[in-house]
Amino acid sequence: MSEKNKENLSKQLECLKSLDIGDVKLEDLVDIRTVHIDTSKPVLERILSFMAQIKNPYLFKVGDTPVKVEFNDDGPSLQEALEQFILNQLK
């Protein structure tokens, strides 16, 4: 991916992240239960497929429940949080 494409993607994600859940109609959100990921594909293809299907990875719905995903800038990364969750479940 070129630097220009990376920069463009970063700007698009920032724009998607800044959307307010109250400004979006429920019927305009993608139900995450309809997203299908082909695990036989390489990681990059899976990510791109997810992005194409979900439209906004920060704002979607589960049934009739809207979901806004936010992360604290100075908190653990998503990967770190998931790793910790799994380790806690194994105890």
N, C-alpha and C. Protein backbone atom coordinates (compact mmCIF):
# COMPACT_ATOMS: atom_id res chain seq x y z
N MET A 1 0.85 -1.17 0.00
CA MET A 1 0.00 0.00 0.00
C MET A 1 0.90 1.24 0.00
N SER A 2 0.62 2.16 -0.90
CA SER A 2 1.44 3.35 -1.01
C SER A 2 1.22 4.28 0.19
N GLU A 3 2.17 5.18 0.38
CA GLU A 3 2.06 6.15 1.49
C GLU A 3 0.82 7.01 1.32
N LYS A 4 0.51 7.40 0.08
CA LYS A 4 -0.67 8.22 -0.18
C LYS A 4 -1.94 7.45 0.18
N ASN A 5 -2.00 6.17 -0.16
CA ASN A 5 -3.17 5.35 0.18
C ASN A 5 -3.30 5.16 1.68
N LYS A 6 -2.17 4.98 2.36
CA LYS A 6 -2.19 4.85 3.83
C LYS A 6 -2.71 6.13 4.47
N GLU A 7 -2.24 7.27 3.97
CA GLU A 7 -2.67 8.55 4.51
C GLU A 7 -4.17 8.76 4.27
N ASN A 8 -4.63 8.41 3.08
CA ASN A 8 -6.04 8.54 2.74
C ASN A 8 -6.89 7.63 3.63
N LEU A 9 -6.45 6.41 3.83
CA LEU A 9 -7.18 5.47 4.70
C LEU A 9 -7.22 5.98 6.13
N SER A 10 -6.11 6.52 6.60
CA SER A 10 -6.07 7.07 7.95
C SER A 10 -7.06 8.22 8.11
N LYS A 11 -7.15 9.09 7.13
CA LYS A 11 -8.10 10.21 7.17
C LYS A 11 -9.54 9.69 7.15
N GLN A 12 -9.81 8.69 6.33
CA GLN A 12 -11.16 8.12 6.27
C GLN A 12 -11.54 7.50 7.61
N LEU A 13 -10.61 6.78 8.23
CA LEU A 13 -10.90 6.16 9.52
C LEU A 13 -11.15 7.20 10.60
N GLU A 14 -10.38 8.28 10.58
CA GLU A 14 -10.59 9.36 11.56
C GLU A 14 -11.97 9.97 11.38
N CYS A 15 -12.39 10.14 10.14
CA CYS A 15 -13.72 10.69 9.86
C CYS A 15 -14.80 9.74 10.37
N LEU A 16 -14.66 8.45 10.11
CA LEU A 16 -15.63 7.46 10.57
C LEU A 16 -15.68 7.41 12.09
N LYS A 17 -14.52 7.50 12.71
CA LYS A 17 -14.42 7.45 14.17
C LYS A 17 -15.12 8.64 14.82
N SER A 18 -15.13 9.77 14.14
CA SER A 18 -15.69 10.98 14.73
C SER A 18 -17.21 11.08 14.63
N LEU A 19 -17.84 10.18 13.89
CA LEU A 19 -19.30 10.23 13.76
C LEU A 19 -19.97 10.00 15.11
N ASP A 20 -21.04 10.72 15.35
CA ASP A 20 -21.80 10.60 16.59
C ASP A 20 -22.93 9.60 16.39
N ILE A 21 -23.09 8.68 17.31
CA ILE A 21 -24.10 7.63 17.20
C ILE A 21 -25.51 8.21 17.13
N GLY A 22 -25.71 9.39 17.74
CA GLY A 22 -27.02 10.02 17.72
C GLY A 22 -27.37 10.65 16.39
N ASP A 23 -26.38 10.83 15.53
CA ASP A 23 -26.60 11.46 14.22
C ASP A 23 -26.84 10.45 13.10
N VAL A 24 -26.83 9.16 13.44
CA VAL A 24 -26.95 8.11 12.43
C VAL A 24 -28.25 7.35 12.64
N LYS A 25 -28.97 7.08 11.55
CA LYS A 25 -30.21 6.30 11.64
C LYS A 25 -29.86 4.83 11.81
N LEU A 26 -30.61 4.14 12.66
CA LEU A 26 -30.37 2.72 12.92
C LEU A 26 -30.38 1.91 11.61
N GLU A 27 -31.31 2.24 10.72
CA GLU A 27 -31.41 1.48 9.47
C GLU A 27 -30.22 1.71 8.53
N ASP A 28 -29.43 2.74 8.80
CA ASP A 28 -28.24 3.00 7.98
C ASP A 28 -27.01 2.24 8.47
N LEU A 29 -27.09 1.65 9.65
CA LEU A 29 -25.97 0.91 10.21
C LEU A 29 -25.98 -0.53 9.72
N VAL A 30 -24.81 -1.10 9.56
CA VAL A 30 -24.67 -2.51 9.15
C VAL A 30 -24.76 -3.38 10.40
N ASP A 31 -25.56 -4.43 10.32
CA ASP A 31 -25.65 -5.40 11.42
C ASP A 31 -24.42 -6.30 11.33
N ILE A 32 -23.60 -6.26 12.36
CA ILE A 32 -22.34 -7.01 12.34
C ILE A 32 -22.57 -8.51 12.20
N ARG A 33 -23.77 -8.97 12.54
CA ARG A 33 -24.06 -10.40 12.41
C ARG A 33 -24.14 -10.84 10.95
N THR A 34 -24.25 -9.88 10.03
CA THR A 34 -24.31 -10.21 8.60
C THR A 34 -22.94 -10.21 7.94
N VAL A 35 -21.92 -9.83 8.69
CA VAL A 35 -20.55 -9.77 8.16
C VAL A 35 -19.96 -11.18 8.17
N HIS A 36 -19.42 -11.58 7.04
CA HIS A 36 -18.82 -12.91 6.92
C HIS A 36 -17.35 -12.76 6.53
N ILE A 37 -16.49 -13.44 7.26
CA ILE A 37 -15.05 -13.38 7.01
C ILE A 37 -14.57 -14.75 6.57
N ASP A 38 -13.90 -14.79 5.42
CA ASP A 38 -13.33 -16.03 4.90
C ASP A 38 -11.95 -16.21 5.55
N THR A 39 -11.88 -17.08 6.55
CA THR A 39 -10.64 -17.26 7.30
C THR A 39 -9.54 -17.96 6.49
N SER A 40 -9.87 -18.43 5.30
CA SER A 40 -8.84 -19.03 4.46
C SER A 40 -8.04 -17.97 3.70
N LYS A 41 -8.52 -16.73 3.71
CA LYS A 41 -7.85 -15.63 3.01
C LYS A 41 -6.72 -15.07 3.88
N PRO A 42 -5.74 -14.41 3.26
CA PRO A 42 -4.69 -13.75 4.02
C PRO A 42 -5.28 -12.63 4.90
N VAL A 43 -4.56 -12.27 5.94
CA VAL A 43 -5.06 -11.29 6.91
C VAL A 43 -5.48 -9.98 6.25
N LEU A 44 -4.66 -9.44 5.37
CA LEU A 44 -5.00 -8.17 4.73
C LEU A 44 -6.31 -8.27 3.96
N GLU A 45 -6.52 -9.35 3.25
CA GLU A 45 -7.77 -9.54 2.51
C GLU A 45 -8.96 -9.64 3.46
N ARG A 46 -8.77 -10.29 4.62
CA ARG A 46 -9.85 -10.39 5.60
C ARG A 46 -10.20 -9.02 6.16
N ILE A 47 -9.18 -8.22 6.45
CA ILE A 47 -9.41 -6.86 6.97
C ILE A 47 -10.15 -6.03 5.94
N LEU A 48 -9.69 -6.06 4.69
CA LEU A 48 -10.35 -5.28 3.65
C LEU A 48 -11.78 -5.74 3.42
N SER A 49 -12.02 -7.05 3.49
CA SER A 49 -13.37 -7.57 3.35
C SER A 49 -14.26 -7.10 4.49
N PHE A 50 -13.74 -7.15 5.71
CA PHE A 50 -14.48 -6.68 6.87
C PHE A 50 -14.85 -5.21 6.70
N MET A 51 -13.87 -4.40 6.32
CA MET A 51 -14.10 -2.96 6.14
C MET A 51 -15.15 -2.70 5.06
N ALA A 52 -15.08 -3.43 3.97
CA ALA A 52 -16.05 -3.24 2.88
C ALA A 52 -17.46 -3.61 3.33
N GLN A 53 -17.57 -4.65 4.13
CA GLN A 53 -18.89 -5.11 4.57
C GLN A 53 -19.47 -4.24 5.69
N ILE A 54 -18.66 -3.87 6.67
CA ILE A 54 -19.16 -3.18 7.86
C ILE A 54 -19.35 -1.68 7.60
N LYS A 55 -18.67 -1.15 6.60
CA LYS A 55 -18.72 0.27 6.23
C LYS A 55 -18.03 1.17 7.25
N ASN A 56 -18.36 1.03 8.53
CA ASN A 56 -17.74 1.83 9.58
C ASN A 56 -17.40 0.91 10.75
N PRO A 57 -16.11 0.62 10.97
CA PRO A 57 -15.75 -0.30 12.05
C PRO A 57 -15.97 0.27 13.45
N TYR A 58 -16.26 1.56 13.54
CA TYR A 58 -16.49 2.20 14.83
C TYR A 58 -17.98 2.33 15.16
N LEU A 59 -18.85 2.15 14.16
CA LEU A 59 -20.27 2.39 14.35
C LEU A 59 -21.06 1.39 13.52
N PHE A 60 -21.74 0.48 14.20
CA PHE A 60 -22.53 -0.56 13.55
C PHE A 60 -23.66 -0.95 14.48
N LYS A 61 -24.38 -1.99 14.17
CA LYS A 61 -25.45 -2.45 15.06
C LYS A 61 -25.38 -3.95 15.23
N VAL A 62 -26.00 -4.40 16.33
CA VAL A 62 -26.21 -5.82 16.60
C VAL A 62 -27.71 -5.94 16.80
N GLY A 63 -28.39 -6.44 15.79
CA GLY A 63 -29.85 -6.45 15.83
C GLY A 63 -30.35 -5.02 15.82
N ASP A 64 -31.13 -4.65 16.83
CA ASP A 64 -31.66 -3.29 16.92
C ASP A 64 -30.86 -2.41 17.87
N THR A 65 -29.66 -2.86 18.25
CA THR A 65 -28.84 -2.11 19.20
C THR A 65 -27.66 -1.46 18.48
N PRO A 66 -27.63 -0.13 18.47
CA PRO A 66 -26.48 0.54 17.87
C PRO A 66 -25.25 0.41 18.76
N VAL A 67 -24.08 0.29 18.15
CA VAL A 67 -22.82 0.11 18.89
C VAL A 67 -21.81 1.13 18.38
N LYS A 68 -21.19 1.86 19.31
CA LYS A 68 -20.11 2.79 18.98
C LYS A 68 -18.87 2.27 19.69
N VAL A 69 -17.83 1.96 18.93
CA VAL A 69 -16.58 1.44 19.48
C VAL A 69 -15.61 2.60 19.65
N GLU A 70 -15.08 2.72 20.86
CA GLU A 70 -14.11 3.78 21.15
C GLU A 70 -12.97 3.19 21.97
N PHE A 71 -11.78 3.73 21.78
CA PHE A 71 -10.61 3.30 22.51
C PHE A 71 -9.96 4.51 23.15
N ASN A 72 -9.45 4.33 24.35
CA ASN A 72 -8.74 5.38 25.05
C ASN A 72 -7.34 5.48 24.45
N ASP A 73 -6.94 6.68 24.05
CA ASP A 73 -5.63 6.86 23.41
C ASP A 73 -4.47 6.41 24.27
N ASP A 74 -4.58 6.54 25.60
CA ASP A 74 -3.46 6.16 26.45
C ASP A 74 -3.69 4.81 27.13
N GLY A 75 -4.70 4.08 26.70
CA GLY A 75 -4.99 2.76 27.25
C GLY A 75 -4.32 1.66 26.45
N PRO A 76 -4.59 0.42 26.82
CA PRO A 76 -4.02 -0.71 26.08
C PRO A 76 -4.60 -0.79 24.68
N SER A 77 -3.84 -1.38 23.77
CA SER A 77 -4.34 -1.58 22.41
C SER A 77 -5.42 -2.65 22.43
N LEU A 78 -6.17 -2.74 21.36
CA LEU A 78 -7.19 -3.77 21.24
C LEU A 78 -6.56 -5.15 21.39
N GLN A 79 -5.42 -5.37 20.75
CA GLN A 79 -4.75 -6.66 20.85
C GLN A 79 -4.37 -6.97 22.29
N GLU A 80 -3.82 -5.99 23.01
CA GLU A 80 -3.44 -6.21 24.40
C GLU A 80 -4.66 -6.53 25.26
N ALA A 81 -5.76 -5.82 25.02
CA ALA A 81 -6.98 -6.05 25.79
C ALA A 81 -7.53 -7.46 25.52
N LEU A 82 -7.51 -7.88 24.27
CA LEU A 82 -8.00 -9.22 23.94
C LEU A 82 -7.10 -10.30 24.54
N GLU A 83 -5.79 -10.09 24.48
CA GLU A 83 -4.87 -11.06 25.07
C GLU A 83 -5.13 -11.20 26.57
N GLN A 84 -5.30 -10.07 27.25
CA GLN A 84 -5.56 -10.10 28.68
C GLN A 84 -6.89 -10.78 28.99
N PHE A 85 -7.90 -10.51 28.18
CA PHE A 85 -9.21 -11.15 28.36
C PHE A 85 -9.08 -12.66 28.24
N ILE A 86 -8.38 -13.12 27.21
CA ILE A 86 -8.23 -14.57 27.01
C ILE A 86 -7.46 -15.19 28.15
N LEU A 87 -6.38 -14.55 28.59
CA LEU A 87 -5.61 -15.08 29.72
C LEU A 87 -6.46 -15.16 30.96
N ASN A 88 -7.30 -14.16 31.21
CA ASN A 88 -8.18 -14.19 32.37
C ASN A 88 -9.22 -15.30 32.29
N GLN A 89 -9.68 -15.60 31.09
CA GLN A 89 -10.66 -16.66 30.91
C GLN A 89 -10.05 -18.05 31.15
N LEU A 90 -8.75 -18.16 30.91
CA LEU A 90 -8.07 -19.44 31.07
C LEU A 90 -7.71 -19.74 32.52
N LYS A 91 -7.80 -18.75 33.40
CA LYS A 91 -7.46 -18.95 34.81
C LYS A 91 -8.53 -19.74 35.52
